[in-house]
Amino acid sequence: MYKNIILLLIIISFFFSSCNQTHEDKEKFINAYLEILIAREKFDDSLAADKEVMKVYDKYGFTEASFREKYFEFADKPDEFIKIVDSVRTLAKRKVEEINKTNEDKKEIEE
């Protein structure tokens, strides 16, 4: 009886830890994707943007290949993937607009 209870508790703890890991992976991917989109918009020079993207990969523990793998892993669930991509792109657009506005305000102050 006690063995069954202990086994059940172990199974439940593994289940919750795997769910939590999945959520953490999703959050890590979303944050990295957001920063990558912002970097691509922020730099006109593709080499500078690529360097910034590499920093983002490193920051979130990805390589280019592992990020791509995670991207396609999420893409296998189209409904969820569309929500993620749309949300991240909308947020990135807002953040880029904020950055541009801040830069314009700085230029006006300098003049």
Foldseek 3Di string as FASTA:
>chain_A
DVVVVVVVVVVVVVVVVVVVVVVVVLVLLLVLVLQLLLLVVVDPDVVSSVVSNCVSCVVSVHDPVRSVVVLVVQVVVVVRSVVSVVVSVVVSVVVNVVVVVVVVVVVVVVD
